[in-house]
Amino acid sequence: MAAIEAASELIADLAKVIGLPEIPPDDNGGYHLTIGDDNDVFIYPVDADRILLVVPIAPLPLHPQYAVMNYLLRSNLFDSDLAPFQIATDDNSMLIQWGRLNIADFDGTLLAKAIDNLAQRATAIRAELGPDT
């Protein structure tokens, strides 16, 4: 219950910052936002201290180019400018950005900035992947 309360407070602050009356939880207990035309953001309470932020990017290319794979895998290194987020695939082979964030390190404004940065990064990665994604 504490996880839901702490995350709910942060999400309520986020809603104020982005000008929404509220961001209701979905059936899974998470929160869903759409940023721009094509960036979905999912926020899930992990525990009383952390949330999980997930941004789907695109289907994993069937025949990826070397440079694209290097770019994606390089994003996971310890010195990546994407940290604390990583690139992975979900059960459906969808490329995603994901990361666990400490709730205490964020308020609505900082979370909005993190979400905006991830949305911009997802758009940039889609451009790198090319028009077939």
N, C-alpha and C. Protein backbone atom coordinates (compact mmCIF):
# COMPACT_ATOMS: atom_id res chain seq x y z
N MET A 1 0.82 -1.19 0.00
CA MET A 1 0.00 0.00 0.00
C MET A 1 0.86 1.26 0.00
N ALA A 2 2.00 1.21 0.70
CA ALA A 2 2.89 2.38 0.73
C ALA A 2 3.43 2.71 -0.66
N ALA A 3 3.67 1.66 -1.45
CA ALA A 3 4.17 1.89 -2.81
C ALA A 3 3.14 2.67 -3.61
N ILE A 4 1.90 2.31 -3.47
CA ILE A 4 0.85 2.99 -4.21
C ILE A 4 0.70 4.42 -3.73
N GLU A 5 0.77 4.64 -2.43
CA GLU A 5 0.63 5.99 -1.88
C GLU A 5 1.76 6.91 -2.34
N ALA A 6 2.99 6.46 -2.23
CA ALA A 6 4.13 7.30 -2.62
C ALA A 6 4.10 7.60 -4.12
N ALA A 7 3.82 6.59 -4.92
CA ALA A 7 3.73 6.80 -6.36
C ALA A 7 2.56 7.70 -6.70
N SER A 8 1.44 7.51 -6.04
CA SER A 8 0.25 8.34 -6.30
C SER A 8 0.52 9.81 -6.03
N GLU A 9 1.25 10.09 -4.96
CA GLU A 9 1.59 11.48 -4.66
C GLU A 9 2.47 12.08 -5.75
N LEU A 10 3.45 11.32 -6.21
CA LEU A 10 4.33 11.80 -7.27
C LEU A 10 3.54 12.00 -8.57
N ILE A 11 2.65 11.08 -8.89
CA ILE A 11 1.86 11.19 -10.11
C ILE A 11 0.90 12.38 -10.02
N ALA A 12 0.35 12.63 -8.85
CA ALA A 12 -0.53 13.79 -8.67
C ALA A 12 0.25 15.09 -8.91
N ASP A 13 1.48 15.13 -8.42
CA ASP A 13 2.33 16.31 -8.65
C ASP A 13 2.67 16.44 -10.13
N LEU A 14 2.95 15.32 -10.79
CA LEU A 14 3.22 15.33 -12.22
C LEU A 14 2.01 15.87 -12.98
N ALA A 15 0.83 15.42 -12.62
CA ALA A 15 -0.39 15.89 -13.29
C ALA A 15 -0.51 17.40 -13.20
N LYS A 16 -0.24 17.96 -12.01
CA LYS A 16 -0.30 19.42 -11.85
C LYS A 16 0.69 20.11 -12.76
N VAL A 17 1.90 19.59 -12.81
CA VAL A 17 2.96 20.21 -13.61
C VAL A 17 2.61 20.22 -15.09
N ILE A 18 2.02 19.14 -15.59
CA ILE A 18 1.72 19.07 -17.02
C ILE A 18 0.31 19.58 -17.35
N GLY A 19 -0.40 20.07 -16.34
CA GLY A 19 -1.68 20.71 -16.58
C GLY A 19 -2.88 19.79 -16.71
N LEU A 20 -2.80 18.62 -16.11
CA LEU A 20 -3.94 17.70 -16.11
C LEU A 20 -4.59 17.70 -14.74
N PRO A 21 -5.91 17.52 -14.68
CA PRO A 21 -6.55 17.46 -13.38
C PRO A 21 -6.12 16.23 -12.58
N GLU A 22 -5.86 15.13 -13.29
CA GLU A 22 -5.37 13.90 -12.65
C GLU A 22 -4.86 12.95 -13.72
N ILE A 23 -4.11 11.96 -13.28
CA ILE A 23 -3.69 10.86 -14.14
C ILE A 23 -4.17 9.60 -13.42
N PRO A 24 -5.30 9.04 -13.84
CA PRO A 24 -5.84 7.89 -13.12
C PRO A 24 -5.03 6.62 -13.37
N PRO A 25 -4.96 5.75 -12.38
CA PRO A 25 -4.28 4.47 -12.60
C PRO A 25 -5.08 3.60 -13.57
N ASP A 26 -4.35 2.75 -14.30
CA ASP A 26 -5.02 1.82 -15.21
C ASP A 26 -5.37 0.53 -14.48
N ASP A 27 -5.86 -0.44 -15.21
CA ASP A 27 -6.28 -1.71 -14.60
C ASP A 27 -5.13 -2.48 -13.97
N ASN A 28 -3.89 -2.18 -14.38
CA ASN A 28 -2.71 -2.86 -13.84
C ASN A 28 -2.11 -2.12 -12.65
N GLY A 29 -2.72 -1.00 -12.24
CA GLY A 29 -2.19 -0.22 -11.13
C GLY A 29 -1.10 0.74 -11.55
N GLY A 30 -0.86 0.83 -12.84
CA GLY A 30 0.14 1.75 -13.36
C GLY A 30 -0.52 2.98 -13.94
N TYR A 31 0.30 3.84 -14.52
CA TYR A 31 -0.18 5.09 -15.10
C TYR A 31 0.33 5.18 -16.52
N HIS A 32 -0.53 5.68 -17.42
CA HIS A 32 -0.18 5.75 -18.83
C HIS A 32 -0.34 7.19 -19.31
N LEU A 33 0.68 7.69 -19.98
CA LEU A 33 0.64 9.00 -20.62
C LEU A 33 1.04 8.82 -22.08
N THR A 34 0.52 9.68 -22.93
CA THR A 34 0.99 9.75 -24.31
C THR A 34 1.62 11.12 -24.50
N ILE A 35 2.88 11.13 -24.91
CA ILE A 35 3.64 12.35 -25.12
C ILE A 35 3.79 12.55 -26.62
N GLY A 36 3.30 13.66 -27.12
CA GLY A 36 3.33 13.89 -28.56
C GLY A 36 2.39 12.93 -29.26
N ASP A 37 2.73 12.60 -30.49
CA ASP A 37 1.87 11.73 -31.29
C ASP A 37 2.14 10.25 -31.09
N ASP A 38 3.36 9.90 -30.68
CA ASP A 38 3.71 8.48 -30.74
C ASP A 38 4.57 7.98 -29.59
N ASN A 39 4.56 8.66 -28.47
CA ASN A 39 5.37 8.21 -27.34
C ASN A 39 4.48 7.89 -26.14
N ASP A 40 4.33 6.59 -25.89
CA ASP A 40 3.61 6.15 -24.72
C ASP A 40 4.59 6.00 -23.57
N VAL A 41 4.14 6.39 -22.40
CA VAL A 41 4.95 6.29 -21.19
C VAL A 41 4.12 5.55 -20.15
N PHE A 42 4.72 4.54 -19.55
CA PHE A 42 4.05 3.76 -18.51
C PHE A 42 4.84 3.89 -17.22
N ILE A 43 4.14 4.19 -16.14
CA ILE A 43 4.76 4.35 -14.83
C ILE A 43 4.09 3.36 -13.88
N TYR A 44 4.91 2.54 -13.22
CA TYR A 44 4.38 1.54 -12.30
C TYR A 44 5.05 1.68 -10.93
N PRO A 45 4.27 1.63 -9.85
CA PRO A 45 4.88 1.57 -8.52
C PRO A 45 5.63 0.24 -8.38
N VAL A 46 6.86 0.30 -7.88
CA VAL A 46 7.64 -0.91 -7.64
C VAL A 46 7.54 -1.29 -6.16
N ASP A 47 7.86 -0.34 -5.33
CA ASP A 47 7.75 -0.50 -3.88
C ASP A 47 7.57 0.88 -3.28
N ALA A 48 7.70 1.02 -1.98
CA ALA A 48 7.46 2.30 -1.33
C ALA A 48 8.47 3.38 -1.75
N ASP A 49 9.58 2.96 -2.34
CA ASP A 49 10.65 3.90 -2.67
C ASP A 49 10.87 4.14 -4.16
N ARG A 50 10.35 3.25 -5.01
CA ARG A 50 10.71 3.33 -6.42
C ARG A 50 9.51 3.19 -7.35
N ILE A 51 9.68 3.77 -8.55
CA ILE A 51 8.75 3.56 -9.64
C ILE A 51 9.52 2.99 -10.82
N LEU A 52 8.81 2.32 -11.69
CA LEU A 52 9.37 1.81 -12.93
C LEU A 52 8.79 2.65 -14.05
N LEU A 53 9.65 3.18 -14.90
CA LEU A 53 9.25 3.99 -16.04
C LEU A 53 9.60 3.22 -17.30
N VAL A 54 8.63 3.02 -18.19
CA VAL A 54 8.82 2.25 -19.42
C VAL A 54 8.31 3.06 -20.61
N VAL A 55 9.14 3.16 -21.65
CA VAL A 55 8.75 3.85 -22.88
C VAL A 55 9.00 2.91 -24.05
N PRO A 56 7.94 2.37 -24.67
CA PRO A 56 8.12 1.55 -25.86
C PRO A 56 8.68 2.40 -27.01
N ILE A 57 9.55 1.78 -27.80
CA ILE A 57 10.20 2.51 -28.89
C ILE A 57 9.66 2.04 -30.24
N ALA A 58 9.93 0.79 -30.58
CA ALA A 58 9.55 0.24 -31.88
C ALA A 58 9.80 -1.27 -31.84
N PRO A 59 9.23 -2.00 -32.78
CA PRO A 59 9.56 -3.42 -32.86
C PRO A 59 11.06 -3.61 -33.13
N LEU A 60 11.62 -4.64 -32.55
CA LEU A 60 13.01 -4.97 -32.80
C LEU A 60 13.17 -5.29 -34.28
N PRO A 61 14.11 -4.62 -34.96
CA PRO A 61 14.29 -4.88 -36.40
C PRO A 61 14.66 -6.35 -36.65
N LEU A 62 14.09 -6.92 -37.69
CA LEU A 62 14.40 -8.31 -38.02
C LEU A 62 15.81 -8.46 -38.56
N HIS A 63 16.30 -7.44 -39.27
CA HIS A 63 17.64 -7.46 -39.84
C HIS A 63 18.33 -6.14 -39.52
N PRO A 64 18.72 -5.97 -38.27
CA PRO A 64 19.30 -4.68 -37.88
C PRO A 64 20.69 -4.47 -38.49
N GLN A 65 20.99 -3.23 -38.76
CA GLN A 65 22.31 -2.88 -39.25
C GLN A 65 23.29 -2.84 -38.08
N TYR A 66 24.54 -3.06 -38.39
CA TYR A 66 25.59 -3.07 -37.38
C TYR A 66 25.60 -1.77 -36.57
N ALA A 67 25.55 -0.63 -37.24
CA ALA A 67 25.63 0.66 -36.55
C ALA A 67 24.45 0.87 -35.61
N VAL A 68 23.27 0.43 -36.03
CA VAL A 68 22.08 0.58 -35.18
C VAL A 68 22.22 -0.29 -33.93
N MET A 69 22.65 -1.52 -34.11
CA MET A 69 22.82 -2.41 -32.95
C MET A 69 23.91 -1.88 -32.01
N ASN A 70 24.98 -1.35 -32.56
CA ASN A 70 26.03 -0.77 -31.73
C ASN A 70 25.46 0.39 -30.92
N TYR A 71 24.69 1.25 -31.57
CA TYR A 71 24.06 2.39 -30.90
C TYR A 71 23.15 1.93 -29.77
N LEU A 72 22.30 0.93 -30.03
CA LEU A 72 21.37 0.45 -29.01
C LEU A 72 22.10 -0.21 -27.84
N LEU A 73 23.05 -1.06 -28.14
CA LEU A 73 23.77 -1.75 -27.07
C LEU A 73 24.67 -0.79 -26.29
N ARG A 74 25.24 0.18 -26.95
CA ARG A 74 26.08 1.18 -26.29
C ARG A 74 25.27 1.99 -25.27
N SER A 75 23.97 2.12 -25.52
CA SER A 75 23.10 2.85 -24.61
C SER A 75 22.98 2.19 -23.24
N ASN A 76 23.40 0.95 -23.13
CA ASN A 76 23.29 0.22 -21.86
C ASN A 76 24.56 0.25 -21.01
N LEU A 77 25.62 0.85 -21.50
CA LEU A 77 26.85 0.87 -20.72
C LEU A 77 26.74 1.81 -19.53
N PHE A 78 27.61 1.60 -18.57
CA PHE A 78 27.61 2.36 -17.32
C PHE A 78 27.78 3.86 -17.52
N ASP A 79 28.41 4.28 -18.60
CA ASP A 79 28.64 5.71 -18.82
C ASP A 79 27.71 6.30 -19.88
N SER A 80 26.61 5.61 -20.17
CA SER A 80 25.67 6.08 -21.17
C SER A 80 24.95 7.33 -20.70
N ASP A 81 24.68 8.23 -21.63
CA ASP A 81 23.91 9.42 -21.27
C ASP A 81 22.44 9.10 -21.07
N LEU A 82 22.04 7.88 -21.32
CA LEU A 82 20.68 7.44 -21.08
C LEU A 82 20.48 6.97 -19.63
N ALA A 83 21.56 6.65 -18.94
CA ALA A 83 21.47 6.14 -17.57
C ALA A 83 20.64 7.09 -16.71
N PRO A 84 19.81 6.59 -15.84
CA PRO A 84 19.69 5.22 -15.34
C PRO A 84 18.78 4.33 -16.18
N PHE A 85 18.46 4.76 -17.38
CA PHE A 85 17.59 3.98 -18.24
C PHE A 85 18.41 3.06 -19.13
N GLN A 86 17.77 1.97 -19.53
CA GLN A 86 18.42 1.01 -20.40
C GLN A 86 17.49 0.67 -21.55
N ILE A 87 18.07 0.12 -22.59
CA ILE A 87 17.32 -0.36 -23.75
C ILE A 87 17.19 -1.88 -23.59
N ALA A 88 16.02 -2.38 -23.85
CA ALA A 88 15.77 -3.82 -23.77
C ALA A 88 14.65 -4.16 -24.74
N THR A 89 14.25 -5.42 -24.74
CA THR A 89 13.05 -5.82 -25.46
C THR A 89 12.09 -6.45 -24.47
N ASP A 90 10.80 -6.29 -24.75
CA ASP A 90 9.80 -6.92 -23.90
C ASP A 90 9.46 -8.30 -24.46
N ASP A 91 8.42 -8.92 -23.92
CA ASP A 91 8.02 -10.27 -24.35
C ASP A 91 7.59 -10.33 -25.80
N ASN A 92 7.21 -9.19 -26.36
CA ASN A 92 6.74 -9.13 -27.75
C ASN A 92 7.80 -8.62 -28.71
N SER A 93 9.06 -8.62 -28.30
CA SER A 93 10.18 -8.13 -29.10
C SER A 93 10.06 -6.66 -29.45
N MET A 94 9.45 -5.89 -28.57
CA MET A 94 9.35 -4.44 -28.72
C MET A 94 10.54 -3.83 -27.99
N LEU A 95 11.29 -2.97 -28.69
CA LEU A 95 12.36 -2.24 -28.03
C LEU A 95 11.73 -1.27 -27.04
N ILE A 96 12.28 -1.23 -25.83
CA ILE A 96 11.78 -0.32 -24.80
C ILE A 96 12.96 0.36 -24.11
N GLN A 97 12.69 1.52 -23.55
CA GLN A 97 13.58 2.16 -22.59
C GLN A 97 12.93 1.92 -21.23
N TRP A 98 13.71 1.54 -20.26
CA TRP A 98 13.14 1.32 -18.95
C TRP A 98 14.14 1.72 -17.88
N GLY A 99 13.62 2.05 -16.72
CA GLY A 99 14.48 2.36 -15.58
C GLY A 99 13.66 2.45 -14.31
N ARG A 100 14.31 2.14 -13.21
CA ARG A 100 13.69 2.30 -11.90
C ARG A 100 14.21 3.60 -11.30
N LEU A 101 13.29 4.42 -10.79
CA LEU A 101 13.64 5.71 -10.22
C LEU A 101 13.27 5.76 -8.75
N ASN A 102 14.13 6.37 -7.96
CA ASN A 102 13.81 6.59 -6.55
C ASN A 102 12.82 7.74 -6.44
N ILE A 103 11.69 7.48 -5.85
CA ILE A 103 10.64 8.47 -5.73
C ILE A 103 11.15 9.71 -5.00
N ALA A 104 11.96 9.51 -3.98
CA ALA A 104 12.46 10.64 -3.18
C ALA A 104 13.32 11.60 -4.00
N ASP A 105 13.86 11.15 -5.12
CA ASP A 105 14.72 11.99 -5.96
C ASP A 105 13.93 12.85 -6.94
N PHE A 106 12.62 12.67 -6.98
CA PHE A 106 11.81 13.32 -7.99
C PHE A 106 10.63 14.06 -7.39
N ASP A 107 10.28 15.16 -8.06
CA ASP A 107 8.99 15.80 -7.85
C ASP A 107 8.34 15.80 -9.23
N GLY A 108 7.17 16.39 -9.35
CA GLY A 108 6.47 16.39 -10.63
C GLY A 108 7.26 17.03 -11.75
N THR A 109 7.96 18.12 -11.43
CA THR A 109 8.73 18.83 -12.45
C THR A 109 9.89 17.98 -12.97
N LEU A 110 10.63 17.37 -12.08
CA LEU A 110 11.76 16.52 -12.50
C LEU A 110 11.28 15.28 -13.24
N LEU A 111 10.16 14.71 -12.79
CA LEU A 111 9.63 13.54 -13.49
C LEU A 111 9.16 13.93 -14.89
N ALA A 112 8.53 15.10 -15.02
CA ALA A 112 8.10 15.57 -16.34
C ALA A 112 9.30 15.75 -17.26
N LYS A 113 10.40 16.27 -16.74
CA LYS A 113 11.61 16.44 -17.55
C LYS A 113 12.18 15.08 -17.97
N ALA A 114 12.20 14.12 -17.05
CA ALA A 114 12.70 12.79 -17.37
C ALA A 114 11.84 12.14 -18.45
N ILE A 115 10.53 12.28 -18.32
CA ILE A 115 9.61 11.71 -19.31
C ILE A 115 9.81 12.38 -20.67
N ASP A 116 9.94 13.69 -20.68
CA ASP A 116 10.16 14.41 -21.93
C ASP A 116 11.46 13.97 -22.59
N ASN A 117 12.51 13.82 -21.80
CA ASN A 117 13.80 13.36 -22.34
C ASN A 117 13.68 11.96 -22.94
N LEU A 118 12.97 11.08 -22.26
CA LEU A 118 12.80 9.72 -22.78
C LEU A 118 11.97 9.72 -24.06
N ALA A 119 10.95 10.56 -24.11
CA ALA A 119 10.14 10.64 -25.33
C ALA A 119 10.97 11.15 -26.50
N GLN A 120 11.80 12.17 -26.25
CA GLN A 120 12.67 12.67 -27.31
C GLN A 120 13.66 11.59 -27.75
N ARG A 121 14.19 10.85 -26.79
CA ARG A 121 15.14 9.78 -27.12
C ARG A 121 14.47 8.69 -27.92
N ALA A 122 13.23 8.33 -27.57
CA ALA A 122 12.49 7.31 -28.32
C ALA A 122 12.29 7.75 -29.76
N THR A 123 11.96 9.01 -29.97
CA THR A 123 11.79 9.55 -31.32
C THR A 123 13.11 9.49 -32.08
N ALA A 124 14.21 9.83 -31.43
CA ALA A 124 15.53 9.79 -32.07
C ALA A 124 15.92 8.35 -32.42
N ILE A 125 15.63 7.42 -31.54
CA ILE A 125 15.97 6.02 -31.82
C ILE A 125 15.15 5.50 -32.99
N ARG A 126 13.86 5.86 -33.03
CA ARG A 126 13.03 5.45 -34.18
C ARG A 126 13.63 5.98 -35.48
N ALA A 127 14.11 7.21 -35.47
CA ALA A 127 14.74 7.78 -36.67
C ALA A 127 15.99 6.99 -37.04
N GLU A 128 16.78 6.58 -36.07
CA GLU A 128 17.99 5.79 -36.34
C GLU A 128 17.62 4.43 -36.92
N LEU A 129 16.50 3.86 -36.44
CA LEU A 129 16.09 2.55 -36.92
C LEU A 129 15.60 2.58 -38.36
N GLY A 130 15.12 3.73 -38.80
CA GLY A 130 14.69 3.88 -40.18
C GLY A 130 13.19 3.77 -40.35
N PRO A 131 12.76 3.97 -41.56
CA PRO A 131 11.32 4.07 -41.86
C PRO A 131 10.55 2.76 -41.73
N ASP A 132 11.23 1.64 -41.68
CA ASP A 132 10.53 0.35 -41.61
C ASP A 132 10.07 0.00 -40.20
N THR A 133 10.36 0.89 -39.21
CA THR A 133 9.96 0.56 -37.83
C THR A 133 8.74 1.34 -37.43
